[in-house]
Amino acid sequence: MSNLGAPGWFGMGTGSPVAGAKFIEKFAKGRRWAHLDIAGTGWASRRSSPSGPGATGFGVALLDRWADLVTEA
């Protein structure tokens, strides 16, 4: 599993919606983008969880489906 979404310069447990948005902004290069801070809604502390330790990404599948529906309209 990649640690790209949790770069060392944020430190453990000190991330914030603003820090996440600033991280994404670096790669947006003037394109329109949105940051939805959903990682905090599900956090696994054990390796035995289906997603491994760390953010579970809870809600991502729902958001993906919503985006599909919106673009079909």
N, C-alpha and C. Protein backbone atom coordinates (compact mmCIF):
# COMPACT_ATOMS: atom_id res chain seq x y z
N MET A 1 0.84 -1.17 0.00
CA MET A 1 0.00 0.00 0.00
C MET A 1 0.89 1.24 0.00
N SER A 2 0.53 2.21 -0.79
CA SER A 2 1.32 3.43 -0.93
C SER A 2 1.11 4.38 0.24
N ASN A 3 2.14 5.10 0.59
CA ASN A 3 2.04 6.14 1.61
C ASN A 3 1.98 7.53 0.98
N LEU A 4 1.70 7.60 -0.33
CA LEU A 4 1.67 8.88 -1.03
C LEU A 4 0.69 9.85 -0.39
N GLY A 5 -0.47 9.36 0.03
CA GLY A 5 -1.48 10.23 0.62
C GLY A 5 -1.15 10.69 2.03
N ALA A 6 -0.09 10.17 2.61
CA ALA A 6 0.31 10.55 3.96
C ALA A 6 1.79 10.88 3.98
N PRO A 7 2.19 11.95 3.28
CA PRO A 7 3.61 12.28 3.23
C PRO A 7 4.17 12.58 4.62
N GLY A 8 5.43 12.27 4.83
CA GLY A 8 6.07 12.43 6.11
C GLY A 8 6.04 13.83 6.67
N TRP A 9 5.97 14.83 5.81
CA TRP A 9 6.01 16.19 6.32
C TRP A 9 4.71 16.61 6.99
N PHE A 10 3.65 15.79 6.95
CA PHE A 10 2.44 16.08 7.71
C PHE A 10 2.55 15.56 9.13
N GLY A 11 3.35 14.53 9.33
CA GLY A 11 3.44 13.91 10.65
C GLY A 11 2.22 13.03 10.89
N MET A 12 2.33 12.13 11.82
CA MET A 12 1.21 11.22 12.11
C MET A 12 0.15 11.93 12.94
N GLY A 13 -1.08 11.83 12.47
CA GLY A 13 -2.21 12.36 13.23
C GLY A 13 -2.35 13.87 13.20
N THR A 14 -1.57 14.55 12.40
CA THR A 14 -1.66 16.01 12.39
C THR A 14 -2.24 16.54 11.09
N GLY A 15 -2.70 15.67 10.22
CA GLY A 15 -3.29 16.11 8.97
C GLY A 15 -4.57 16.89 9.21
N SER A 16 -4.95 17.68 8.26
CA SER A 16 -6.17 18.46 8.38
C SER A 16 -6.76 18.64 7.00
N PRO A 17 -8.03 19.05 6.89
CA PRO A 17 -8.60 19.31 5.58
C PRO A 17 -7.78 20.34 4.79
N VAL A 18 -7.26 21.32 5.46
CA VAL A 18 -6.47 22.35 4.78
C VAL A 18 -5.16 21.75 4.26
N ALA A 19 -4.50 20.94 5.08
CA ALA A 19 -3.25 20.31 4.63
C ALA A 19 -3.52 19.40 3.45
N GLY A 20 -4.62 18.65 3.48
CA GLY A 20 -4.97 17.78 2.37
C GLY A 20 -5.24 18.57 1.10
N ALA A 21 -5.94 19.66 1.23
CA ALA A 21 -6.23 20.51 0.07
C ALA A 21 -4.96 21.12 -0.51
N LYS A 22 -4.06 21.56 0.35
CA LYS A 22 -2.80 22.14 -0.13
C LYS A 22 -1.96 21.08 -0.86
N PHE A 23 -2.02 19.83 -0.39
CA PHE A 23 -1.30 18.74 -1.03
C PHE A 23 -1.83 18.53 -2.45
N ILE A 24 -3.16 18.49 -2.60
CA ILE A 24 -3.77 18.30 -3.92
C ILE A 24 -3.49 19.50 -4.82
N GLU A 25 -3.55 20.68 -4.27
CA GLU A 25 -3.34 21.91 -5.03
C GLU A 25 -2.00 21.89 -5.77
N LYS A 26 -0.99 21.27 -5.15
CA LYS A 26 0.33 21.19 -5.77
C LYS A 26 0.28 20.50 -7.13
N PHE A 27 -0.62 19.54 -7.27
CA PHE A 27 -0.67 18.74 -8.49
C PHE A 27 -1.77 19.18 -9.46
N ALA A 28 -2.65 20.08 -9.05
CA ALA A 28 -3.76 20.51 -9.89
C ALA A 28 -3.31 21.39 -11.05
N LYS A 29 -2.26 22.13 -10.86
CA LYS A 29 -1.67 22.97 -11.91
C LYS A 29 -2.72 23.81 -12.65
N GLY A 30 -3.53 24.54 -11.90
CA GLY A 30 -4.49 25.47 -12.49
C GLY A 30 -5.80 24.83 -12.92
N ARG A 31 -5.92 23.50 -12.85
CA ARG A 31 -7.18 22.85 -13.22
C ARG A 31 -8.17 22.94 -12.07
N ARG A 32 -9.45 22.87 -12.40
CA ARG A 32 -10.49 22.86 -11.37
C ARG A 32 -10.42 21.54 -10.61
N TRP A 33 -10.57 21.60 -9.30
CA TRP A 33 -10.51 20.40 -8.47
C TRP A 33 -11.30 20.63 -7.20
N ALA A 34 -11.56 19.57 -6.49
CA ALA A 34 -12.25 19.66 -5.21
C ALA A 34 -11.59 18.70 -4.23
N HIS A 35 -11.54 19.07 -2.98
CA HIS A 35 -11.01 18.21 -1.93
C HIS A 35 -12.14 17.90 -0.96
N LEU A 36 -12.47 16.62 -0.84
CA LEU A 36 -13.49 16.18 0.11
C LEU A 36 -12.77 15.40 1.20
N ASP A 37 -12.75 15.92 2.37
CA ASP A 37 -12.01 15.30 3.47
C ASP A 37 -12.86 14.19 4.08
N ILE A 38 -12.75 12.98 3.52
CA ILE A 38 -13.57 11.86 3.98
C ILE A 38 -12.76 10.80 4.71
N ALA A 39 -11.45 10.94 4.75
CA ALA A 39 -10.61 9.89 5.35
C ALA A 39 -10.87 9.71 6.83
N GLY A 40 -11.18 10.77 7.53
CA GLY A 40 -11.37 10.68 8.97
C GLY A 40 -12.61 9.91 9.38
N THR A 41 -13.51 9.62 8.44
CA THR A 41 -14.73 8.89 8.79
C THR A 41 -14.47 7.41 9.00
N GLY A 42 -13.35 6.93 8.58
CA GLY A 42 -13.02 5.53 8.79
C GLY A 42 -11.52 5.34 8.91
N TRP A 43 -11.08 4.89 10.05
CA TRP A 43 -9.65 4.71 10.29
C TRP A 43 -9.43 3.34 10.91
N ALA A 44 -8.61 2.53 10.27
CA ALA A 44 -8.31 1.19 10.79
C ALA A 44 -6.95 1.22 11.46
N SER A 45 -6.89 0.68 12.65
CA SER A 45 -5.62 0.68 13.38
C SER A 45 -4.89 -0.66 13.27
N ARG A 46 -5.56 -1.67 12.70
CA ARG A 46 -4.94 -3.00 12.61
C ARG A 46 -4.67 -3.39 11.16
N ARG A 47 -3.61 -4.12 10.95
CA ARG A 47 -3.29 -4.65 9.62
C ARG A 47 -4.32 -5.66 9.15
N SER A 48 -5.06 -6.25 10.08
CA SER A 48 -6.02 -7.29 9.72
C SER A 48 -7.31 -6.74 9.10
N SER A 49 -7.48 -5.42 9.09
CA SER A 49 -8.69 -4.87 8.48
C SER A 49 -8.60 -5.04 6.96
N PRO A 50 -9.73 -5.10 6.24
CA PRO A 50 -9.71 -5.32 4.80
C PRO A 50 -8.87 -4.30 4.02
N SER A 51 -8.80 -3.06 4.51
CA SER A 51 -8.05 -2.03 3.81
C SER A 51 -6.63 -1.86 4.33
N GLY A 52 -6.29 -2.61 5.37
CA GLY A 52 -4.98 -2.44 5.99
C GLY A 52 -5.04 -1.30 6.99
N PRO A 53 -3.93 -0.99 7.64
CA PRO A 53 -3.95 0.10 8.62
C PRO A 53 -4.03 1.46 7.93
N GLY A 54 -4.67 2.39 8.59
CA GLY A 54 -4.77 3.74 8.05
C GLY A 54 -6.18 4.07 7.58
N ALA A 55 -6.29 5.06 6.73
CA ALA A 55 -7.59 5.51 6.24
C ALA A 55 -8.24 4.42 5.41
N THR A 56 -9.53 4.20 5.63
CA THR A 56 -10.25 3.14 4.93
C THR A 56 -10.83 3.61 3.61
N GLY A 57 -10.94 4.91 3.42
CA GLY A 57 -11.55 5.43 2.20
C GLY A 57 -13.06 5.30 2.22
N PHE A 58 -13.63 5.18 3.41
CA PHE A 58 -15.08 5.05 3.55
C PHE A 58 -15.77 6.17 2.79
N GLY A 59 -16.72 5.83 1.96
CA GLY A 59 -17.48 6.81 1.20
C GLY A 59 -16.98 7.03 -0.21
N VAL A 60 -15.81 6.53 -0.55
CA VAL A 60 -15.26 6.75 -1.88
C VAL A 60 -16.11 6.07 -2.95
N ALA A 61 -16.56 4.85 -2.70
CA ALA A 61 -17.39 4.14 -3.69
C ALA A 61 -18.69 4.90 -3.93
N LEU A 62 -19.30 5.43 -2.88
CA LEU A 62 -20.52 6.21 -3.02
C LEU A 62 -20.26 7.47 -3.84
N LEU A 63 -19.19 8.17 -3.56
CA LEU A 63 -18.83 9.36 -4.31
C LEU A 63 -18.58 9.03 -5.78
N ASP A 64 -17.90 7.92 -6.04
CA ASP A 64 -17.63 7.50 -7.41
C ASP A 64 -18.92 7.23 -8.17
N ARG A 65 -19.85 6.55 -7.53
CA ARG A 65 -21.15 6.25 -8.16
C ARG A 65 -21.91 7.54 -8.43
N TRP A 66 -21.91 8.46 -7.47
CA TRP A 66 -22.59 9.75 -7.66
C TRP A 66 -22.01 10.49 -8.86
N ALA A 67 -20.68 10.51 -8.98
CA ALA A 67 -20.04 11.20 -10.11
C ALA A 67 -20.46 10.57 -11.43
N ASP A 68 -20.56 9.23 -11.47
CA ASP A 68 -21.04 8.56 -12.68
C ASP A 68 -22.45 9.00 -13.03
N LEU A 69 -23.32 9.04 -12.04
CA LEU A 69 -24.71 9.43 -12.28
C LEU A 69 -24.82 10.88 -12.76
N VAL A 70 -24.04 11.77 -12.17
CA VAL A 70 -24.09 13.18 -12.55
C VAL A 70 -23.62 13.37 -13.98
N THR A 71 -22.58 12.65 -14.38
CA THR A 71 -22.05 12.83 -15.74
C THR A 71 -22.93 12.18 -16.79
N GLU A 72 -23.79 11.24 -16.41
CA GLU A 72 -24.73 10.62 -17.35
C GLU A 72 -25.90 11.53 -17.65
N ALA A 73 -26.23 12.43 -16.74
CA ALA A 73 -27.42 13.28 -16.88
C ALA A 73 -27.28 14.29 -17.98
